[in-house]
Amino acid sequence: MFVKCKICDGKGYFVPRGWNGVSFHCSTCHGTGGFDVPDGKDLCPKCNGSGQIAEISEFGFGIEASCKICSGTGFVDKTAE
């Protein structure tokens, strides 16, 4: 099932507030506009499906790290409703 990216609203790019006419490639969905979610899975609520989260390193720098909730897959098991 294809699920629209929450970060770019399914466009594959976003325009930051105040940057009229300048768009940036969506790093969450890698420009695809969404995700093919496997049966029995949901998008990870922590990383929104990207599999990566921003963290602060021990030296104070921002780094990309694998999401610990989904183990970097971008998906979690579907919860019973």
Protein backbone atom coordinates (compact mmCIF):
# COMPACT_ATOMS: atom_id res chain seq x y z
CA MET A 1 0.00 0.00 0.00
CA PHE A 2 1.38 3.42 -0.97
CA VAL A 3 1.30 5.97 1.88
CA LYS A 4 1.82 9.67 1.21
CA CYS A 5 4.84 11.27 2.90
CA LYS A 6 3.78 13.46 5.85
CA ILE A 7 6.79 15.74 5.54
CA CYS A 8 6.33 16.87 1.91
CA ASP A 9 2.60 16.06 1.65
CA GLY A 10 3.26 13.64 -1.20
CA LYS A 11 5.03 16.15 -3.48
CA GLY A 12 8.58 14.79 -3.18
CA TYR A 13 9.85 18.29 -2.43
CA PHE A 14 9.11 21.11 -0.04
CA VAL A 15 9.36 24.89 -0.08
CA PRO A 16 10.51 26.35 3.25
CA ARG A 17 8.52 29.26 4.60
CA GLY A 18 9.86 32.51 3.16
CA TRP A 19 11.76 30.80 0.30
CA ASN A 20 9.36 31.59 -2.54
CA GLY A 21 10.24 29.70 -5.72
CA VAL A 22 12.97 27.60 -4.09
CA SER A 23 12.20 23.95 -3.47
CA PHE A 24 14.21 21.24 -1.77
CA HIS A 25 14.25 17.50 -2.40
CA CYS A 26 12.42 15.68 0.43
CA SER A 27 15.04 13.66 2.29
CA THR A 28 12.39 11.68 4.17
CA CYS A 29 10.78 10.00 1.12
CA HIS A 30 13.81 10.60 -1.17
CA GLY A 31 11.64 12.55 -3.61
CA THR A 32 9.15 9.74 -4.26
CA GLY A 33 6.25 11.42 -2.45
CA GLY A 34 5.58 8.46 -0.21
CA PHE A 35 6.30 4.90 0.77
CA ASP A 36 5.27 1.41 -0.31
CA VAL A 37 4.28 0.01 3.06
CA PRO A 38 4.39 -3.81 3.27
CA ASP A 39 1.30 -5.71 4.41
CA GLY A 40 1.07 -5.88 8.19
CA LYS A 41 3.29 -2.82 8.66
CA ASP A 42 2.81 0.91 9.38
CA LEU A 43 5.16 3.84 8.88
CA CYS A 44 7.40 4.36 11.88
CA PRO A 45 5.99 7.20 13.99
CA LYS A 46 9.47 8.34 15.07
CA CYS A 47 11.20 8.71 11.67
CA ASN A 48 8.08 9.01 9.43
CA GLY A 49 9.33 6.16 7.25
CA SER A 50 12.81 7.46 6.45
CA GLY A 51 14.63 5.00 8.74
CA GLN A 52 16.90 7.85 9.89
CA ILE A 53 16.69 10.38 12.71
CA ALA A 54 18.80 13.42 13.54
CA GLU A 55 20.83 13.09 16.73
CA ILE A 56 23.45 15.16 18.47
CA SER A 57 26.83 13.41 18.61
CA GLU A 58 29.00 13.34 21.72
CA PHE A 59 30.95 16.24 20.15
CA GLY A 60 27.83 18.40 19.73
CA PHE A 61 27.41 17.92 15.97
CA GLY A 62 24.12 16.92 14.35
CA ILE A 63 24.30 13.49 12.69
CA GLU A 64 21.92 11.13 10.93
CA ALA A 65 21.49 7.82 12.73
CA SER A 66 19.38 4.72 12.18
CA CYS A 67 16.03 4.96 13.93
CA LYS A 68 16.00 2.70 16.97
CA ILE A 69 12.20 2.23 16.88
CA CYS A 70 12.13 0.62 13.40
CA SER A 71 15.80 -0.52 13.25
CA GLY A 72 16.31 1.69 10.20
CA THR A 73 13.62 0.04 8.06
CA GLY A 74 11.07 2.88 8.26
CA PHE A 75 8.31 0.43 9.19
CA VAL A 76 6.90 -1.03 12.39
CA ASP A 77 4.50 -3.92 12.91
CA LYS A 78 0.87 -2.87 12.51
CA THR A 79 -0.86 -2.46 15.86
CA ALA A 80 -4.13 -4.24 16.55
CA GLU A 81 -7.07 -1.86 16.22
